[in-house]
């Protein structure tokens, strides 16, 4: 779909907020907290941005974009070219970070990671759930939506690093009730720290993370050649050590939806009929990885000599 930028405003250092609307004024597709959209910034350049407005607003999608000087150029292009009235191709919304209904939540956000958390807080308030937010950033001026969040009262703890130091993750976790879910989004060092603390407290089953960048492998990974079988067709393709499953499927003429190609957006997920995937994405839970019935073909590979994927050759009828 093609959407028009209806507003643009600066909300923090190097952070802009954009609102999109249907050009004809029609309602937009429903979404739930944690969802994101895929924004085509320019031909071949697609970026994912969390929706941070209200799901009840069917007329607008709201996102916040951090200008990343060391990024691949997508965020810089958004900051440089987007104006009110600009039209962009948008896909989604899609949700890899869904808010589960429970009695209580601990929200932990770092920097621009506050964006998916905002609609989650709205939902928690509406449902009457207990909730706490711990929100950190390098400087207060770099942290988006601080004034809006502070109006929510003592449940919100805003801790700029230059004033308060690193977030007190251990203290926040120590106050969690047994039925609390922990939702965390932000830069990789924060996510790793939260994972480490949750592991020590045996809270990993309660932790829900969303990564903006691919998780770095902790072990030495060796890419090896393997085969993929295309559904019931019996057709077998070889995936070389230096190419991805996605590359090979595209070469075969199979149109696989993809966006980030880093294993963080979930758009290229394909069901696995047999074989053992080697998961390298940053989306699936440990339980979903153990099930082995799906994989992100942009980054994941195979532990078995062959994988059978639930796809059809391009010439299949």
Protein backbone atom coordinates (compact mmCIF):
# COMPACT_ATOMS: atom_id res chain seq x y z
CA UNK A 1 0.00 0.00 0.00
CA UNK A 2 1.05 3.60 -0.54
CA UNK A 3 0.68 6.03 2.35
CA UNK A 4 1.17 9.75 2.66
CA UNK A 5 3.12 11.52 5.38
CA UNK A 6 0.58 13.63 7.27
CA UNK A 7 2.93 15.12 9.89
CA UNK A 8 6.60 15.35 10.80
CA UNK A 9 8.09 16.72 14.01
CA UNK A 10 11.34 16.59 15.98
CA UNK A 11 10.86 14.74 19.28
CA UNK A 12 14.46 14.31 20.52
CA UNK A 13 18.02 14.79 19.34
CA UNK A 14 18.25 13.09 15.93
CA UNK A 15 14.78 11.57 16.33
CA UNK A 16 11.78 12.54 14.20
CA UNK A 17 8.19 11.38 14.48
CA UNK A 18 6.25 10.66 11.29
CA UNK A 19 2.55 10.01 10.88
CA UNK A 20 1.16 8.29 7.79
CA UNK A 21 -2.37 8.21 6.40
CA UNK A 22 -4.19 6.70 3.46
CA UNK A 23 -4.14 9.12 0.54
CA UNK A 24 -7.87 8.66 0.03
CA UNK A 25 -8.74 8.97 3.71
CA UNK A 26 -9.67 5.32 4.15
CA UNK A 27 -9.07 3.30 7.33
CA UNK A 28 -5.73 1.60 7.81
CA UNK A 29 -5.14 -2.06 8.62
CA UNK A 30 -5.63 -3.01 12.27
CA UNK A 31 -2.57 -3.61 14.41
CA UNK A 32 -1.67 -4.65 17.95
CA UNK A 33 1.07 -3.38 20.30
CA UNK A 34 4.50 -4.56 19.22
CA UNK A 35 3.74 -4.39 15.49
CA UNK A 36 5.96 -2.73 12.92
CA UNK A 37 5.69 -1.61 9.33
CA UNK A 38 8.15 -2.05 6.46
CA UNK A 39 8.89 1.32 4.88
CA UNK A 40 10.38 1.39 1.39
CA UNK A 41 12.73 4.35 1.71
CA UNK A 42 14.01 4.07 -1.85
CA UNK A 43 14.14 1.30 -4.48
CA UNK A 44 15.64 -1.75 -2.79
CA UNK A 45 15.98 -0.01 0.59
CA UNK A 46 13.39 -1.24 3.12
CA UNK A 47 13.48 -0.49 6.83
CA UNK A 48 11.32 -1.68 9.74
CA UNK A 49 9.84 0.80 12.20
CA UNK A 50 7.74 0.02 15.26
CA UNK A 51 4.31 1.58 15.44
CA UNK A 52 4.13 3.86 18.47
CA UNK A 53 0.69 5.43 18.13
CA UNK A 54 -2.63 4.10 19.41
CA UNK A 55 -4.00 0.91 17.83
CA UNK A 56 -7.49 2.42 18.08
CA UNK A 57 -6.47 5.16 15.61
CA UNK A 58 -7.42 3.64 12.25
CA UNK A 59 -6.52 6.81 10.35
CA UNK A 60 -2.80 7.08 11.16
CA UNK A 61 0.35 5.02 11.61
CA UNK A 62 2.92 6.76 13.83
CA UNK A 63 6.62 5.89 13.88
CA UNK A 64 9.76 7.47 15.31
CA UNK A 65 13.04 7.32 13.38
CA UNK A 66 16.49 7.71 14.90
CA UNK A 67 19.12 9.10 12.58
CA UNK A 68 21.93 6.56 12.80
CA UNK A 69 25.18 8.06 11.56
CA UNK A 70 26.89 4.66 11.45
CA UNK A 71 23.93 2.82 9.90
CA UNK A 72 23.44 1.62 6.35
CA UNK A 73 21.87 4.89 5.21
CA UNK A 74 18.15 4.19 5.50
CA UNK A 75 17.51 6.35 8.55
CA UNK A 76 19.62 9.18 7.17
CA UNK A 77 17.56 9.11 3.98
CA UNK A 78 14.32 9.26 5.97
CA UNK A 79 15.56 12.30 7.89
CA UNK A 80 16.81 14.02 4.74
CA UNK A 81 13.99 13.41 2.26
CA UNK A 82 10.71 12.95 4.12
CA UNK A 83 8.33 15.90 4.19
CA UNK A 84 4.62 16.30 4.80
CA UNK A 85 2.94 15.04 1.64
CA UNK A 86 5.69 12.54 0.76
CA UNK A 87 4.29 9.19 -0.38
CA UNK A 88 5.90 5.85 0.50
CA UNK A 89 5.19 2.21 -0.10
CA UNK A 90 4.41 0.54 3.21
CA UNK A 91 3.98 -3.17 3.97
CA UNK A 92 2.46 -4.68 7.09
CA UNK A 93 1.79 -4.21 9.89
CA UNK A 94 3.47 -7.39 11.15
CA UNK A 95 4.09 -8.40 14.75
CA UNK A 96 7.02 -10.39 16.14
CA UNK A 97 6.74 -8.78 19.58
CA UNK A 98 3.13 -9.29 20.56
CA UNK A 99 1.89 -8.26 23.99
CA UNK A 100 0.51 -11.28 25.85
CA UNK A 101 -2.34 -10.74 28.34
CA UNK A 102 -1.03 -11.22 31.88
CA UNK A 103 -1.63 -9.54 35.27
CA UNK A 104 1.64 -7.59 35.25
CA UNK A 105 4.42 -6.23 33.03
CA UNK A 106 7.92 -4.86 33.42
CA UNK A 107 8.87 -2.76 30.41
CA UNK A 108 12.57 -2.01 29.85
CA UNK A 109 13.51 0.35 27.02
CA UNK A 110 16.73 1.85 25.78
CA UNK A 111 16.82 4.81 23.40
CA UNK A 112 14.59 4.39 20.36
CA UNK A 113 13.51 1.03 21.79
CA UNK A 114 10.79 2.95 23.61
CA UNK A 115 8.68 3.02 20.43
CA UNK A 116 7.01 -0.44 20.61
CA UNK A 117 6.65 -0.08 24.38
CA UNK A 118 4.41 3.01 24.27
CA UNK A 119 1.30 1.25 22.86
CA UNK A 120 1.98 -1.66 25.22
CA UNK A 121 1.74 0.70 28.18
CA UNK A 122 -1.55 2.09 26.85
CA UNK A 123 -2.92 -1.45 26.62
CA UNK A 124 -1.68 -2.36 30.09
CA UNK A 125 -3.41 0.71 31.53
CA UNK A 126 -6.64 -0.05 29.66
CA UNK A 127 -6.65 -3.67 30.87
CA UNK A 128 -5.98 -2.76 34.48
CA UNK A 129 -2.70 -4.69 34.58
CA UNK A 130 0.13 -3.79 36.91
CA UNK A 131 3.08 -2.32 35.05
CA UNK A 132 6.39 -0.54 35.44
CA UNK A 133 8.62 1.17 32.88
CA UNK A 134 12.39 1.57 33.19
CA UNK A 135 13.62 3.78 30.36
CA UNK A 136 17.24 4.69 29.71
CA UNK A 137 19.25 6.66 27.17
CA UNK A 138 22.56 8.43 26.86
CA UNK A 139 21.12 11.89 27.52
CA UNK A 140 17.63 13.09 28.35
CA UNK A 141 17.57 15.20 25.19
CA UNK A 142 18.16 12.04 23.12
CA UNK A 143 15.22 10.18 24.70
CA UNK A 144 11.92 10.42 22.84
CA UNK A 145 8.52 10.90 24.52
CA UNK A 146 9.90 11.59 28.00
CA UNK A 147 7.36 14.32 28.82
CA UNK A 148 4.47 12.22 27.56
CA UNK A 149 5.61 9.25 29.65
CA UNK A 150 6.24 11.24 32.81
CA UNK A 151 2.60 12.28 32.81
CA UNK A 152 1.75 8.62 33.55
CA UNK A 153 3.06 8.97 37.08
CA UNK A 154 5.35 6.97 39.39
CA UNK A 155 5.16 3.77 37.33
CA UNK A 156 7.63 5.44 34.95
CA UNK A 157 11.35 5.62 35.76
CA UNK A 158 13.39 7.69 33.28
CA UNK A 159 17.14 7.34 33.76
CA UNK A 160 19.50 9.23 31.42
CA UNK A 161 22.93 7.61 31.60
CA UNK A 162 24.86 10.87 31.91
CA UNK A 163 22.93 11.64 35.11
CA UNK A 164 21.99 8.28 36.64
CA UNK A 165 24.41 5.80 35.09
CA UNK A 166 23.36 2.46 33.66
CA UNK A 167 19.86 1.13 34.28
CA UNK A 168 19.38 -0.82 37.50
CA UNK A 169 18.18 -3.98 35.78
CA UNK A 170 18.73 -6.18 38.83
CA UNK A 171 16.67 -3.87 41.02
CA UNK A 172 13.83 -3.76 38.51
CA UNK A 173 13.76 -7.55 38.19
CA UNK A 174 13.84 -8.02 41.96
CA UNK A 175 10.50 -6.22 42.20
CA UNK A 176 8.76 -8.45 39.62
CA UNK A 177 5.83 -10.53 40.78
CA UNK A 178 5.91 -14.21 39.69
CA UNK A 179 3.31 -13.71 36.96
CA UNK A 180 5.03 -10.68 35.39
CA UNK A 181 6.19 -10.67 31.77
CA UNK A 182 9.28 -8.63 30.90
CA UNK A 183 9.28 -6.76 27.59
CA UNK A 184 12.56 -5.23 26.50
CA UNK A 185 13.64 -3.33 23.40
CA UNK A 186 16.76 -1.28 22.76
CA UNK A 187 20.42 -1.51 21.76
CA UNK A 188 22.18 -4.85 21.85
CA UNK A 189 24.24 -4.20 25.03
CA UNK A 190 21.02 -3.56 26.96
CA UNK A 191 19.35 -6.67 25.57
CA UNK A 192 22.34 -8.85 26.46
CA UNK A 193 22.44 -7.39 29.97
CA UNK A 194 18.73 -8.06 30.49
CA UNK A 195 19.13 -11.61 29.17
CA UNK A 196 22.05 -12.23 31.53
CA UNK A 197 20.16 -10.91 34.56
CA UNK A 198 17.04 -12.91 33.65
CA UNK A 199 19.10 -16.07 33.21
CA UNK A 200 20.63 -15.68 36.67
CA UNK A 201 17.18 -15.16 38.17
CA UNK A 202 15.65 -18.00 36.09
CA UNK A 203 13.32 -15.55 34.38
CA UNK A 204 14.18 -16.24 30.74
CA UNK A 205 10.77 -17.85 30.17
CA UNK A 206 9.18 -14.52 31.17
CA UNK A 207 11.39 -12.38 28.91
CA UNK A 208 10.26 -11.02 25.54
CA UNK A 209 12.83 -9.17 23.41
CA UNK A 210 12.80 -7.28 20.15
CA UNK A 211 16.06 -6.61 18.39
CA UNK A 212 16.66 -3.84 15.85
CA UNK A 213 19.87 -5.53 14.72
CA UNK A 214 20.81 -9.15 14.26
CA UNK A 215 22.06 -11.00 17.33
CA UNK A 216 25.77 -11.74 17.05
CA UNK A 217 26.65 -15.44 17.23
CA UNK A 218 28.33 -16.47 20.47
CA UNK A 219 30.08 -19.52 19.00
CA UNK A 220 32.37 -19.96 16.03
CA UNK A 221 30.02 -20.68 13.14
CA UNK A 222 31.17 -22.52 10.03
CA UNK A 223 28.97 -22.29 6.96
CA UNK A 224 28.69 -25.59 5.10
CA UNK A 225 26.95 -26.62 1.90
CA UNK A 226 23.57 -28.37 2.20
CA UNK A 227 20.51 -29.22 0.12
CA UNK A 228 16.93 -27.95 0.15
CA UNK A 229 13.99 -29.86 -1.28
CA UNK A 230 11.08 -27.82 -2.59
CA UNK A 231 7.90 -29.15 -1.00
CA UNK A 232 6.33 -32.20 -2.60
CA UNK A 233 7.90 -31.50 -5.98
CA UNK A 234 11.00 -33.57 -5.28
CA UNK A 235 13.17 -30.83 -6.75
CA UNK A 236 16.44 -30.46 -4.86
CA UNK A 237 18.70 -27.40 -4.85
CA UNK A 238 22.15 -26.94 -3.38
CA UNK A 239 22.84 -24.07 -1.00
CA UNK A 240 26.56 -23.27 -1.23
CA UNK A 241 28.51 -22.33 1.87
CA UNK A 242 28.76 -18.69 0.77
CA UNK A 243 25.09 -18.18 -0.16
CA UNK A 244 21.81 -18.05 1.75
CA UNK A 245 18.69 -20.14 1.27
CA UNK A 246 16.96 -16.92 0.23
CA UNK A 247 19.53 -16.33 -2.52
CA UNK A 248 19.09 -19.85 -3.89
CA UNK A 249 15.28 -19.65 -3.84
CA UNK A 250 15.37 -16.35 -5.69
CA UNK A 251 17.74 -17.79 -8.29
CA UNK A 252 15.17 -20.54 -8.80
CA UNK A 253 12.50 -17.93 -9.54
CA UNK A 254 10.65 -18.35 -6.25
CA UNK A 255 9.29 -15.04 -4.99
CA UNK A 256 10.03 -14.95 -1.26
CA UNK A 257 8.98 -11.86 0.65
CA UNK A 258 11.97 -10.40 2.47
CA UNK A 259 12.96 -7.11 4.00
CA UNK A 260 15.78 -6.82 6.53
CA UNK A 261 17.79 -9.87 5.34
CA UNK A 262 19.36 -9.94 8.82
CA UNK A 263 16.90 -12.22 10.62
CA UNK A 264 15.15 -9.50 12.62
CA UNK A 265 11.93 -8.71 10.72
CA UNK A 266 10.37 -12.16 10.14
CA UNK A 267 9.12 -11.47 6.61
CA UNK A 268 10.99 -14.40 5.00
CA UNK A 269 9.73 -17.11 7.37
CA UNK A 270 9.09 -20.42 5.57
CA UNK A 271 7.66 -23.65 7.03
CA UNK A 272 10.06 -26.60 7.32
CA UNK A 273 8.61 -30.03 6.48
CA UNK A 274 11.64 -32.12 7.44
CA UNK A 275 15.27 -31.70 8.39
CA UNK A 276 16.88 -29.74 11.19
CA UNK A 277 17.26 -25.99 10.72
CA UNK A 278 20.21 -24.12 12.18
CA UNK A 279 18.48 -21.00 13.44
CA UNK A 280 20.41 -17.74 13.22
CA UNK A 281 17.55 -15.29 13.44
CA UNK A 282 16.79 -12.94 16.32
CA UNK A 283 13.04 -13.60 16.41
CA UNK A 284 12.11 -17.17 17.30
CA UNK A 285 11.84 -18.25 20.92
CA UNK A 286 13.78 -21.23 22.26
CA UNK A 287 10.60 -23.30 22.07
CA UNK A 288 9.98 -22.30 18.43
CA UNK A 289 13.58 -23.11 17.54
CA UNK A 290 13.30 -26.52 19.18
CA UNK A 291 10.13 -27.28 17.22
CA UNK A 292 12.10 -26.85 13.98
CA UNK A 293 8.99 -26.30 11.88
CA UNK A 294 9.93 -22.90 10.45
CA UNK A 295 12.99 -20.83 9.61
CA UNK A 296 14.07 -17.39 8.41
CA UNK A 297 15.68 -18.21 5.10
CA UNK A 298 17.67 -14.97 4.89
CA UNK A 299 20.13 -16.06 7.60
CA UNK A 300 19.34 -19.54 8.92
CA UNK A 301 20.93 -22.68 7.52
CA UNK A 302 20.75 -26.43 8.14
CA UNK A 303 22.17 -28.87 10.66
CA UNK A 304 21.05 -31.79 8.48
CA UNK A 305 22.29 -32.62 5.01
CA UNK A 306 18.90 -31.69 3.56
CA UNK A 307 15.93 -29.54 4.50
CA UNK A 308 12.50 -29.94 2.94
CA UNK A 309 10.80 -26.56 2.77
CA UNK A 310 7.12 -25.93 2.22
CA UNK A 311 7.56 -23.99 -1.04
CA UNK A 312 6.70 -24.73 -4.64
CA UNK A 313 9.01 -24.30 -7.64
CA UNK A 314 8.21 -21.26 -9.75
CA UNK A 315 6.98 -23.47 -12.60
CA UNK A 316 4.68 -25.59 -10.38
CA UNK A 317 0.95 -25.43 -11.02
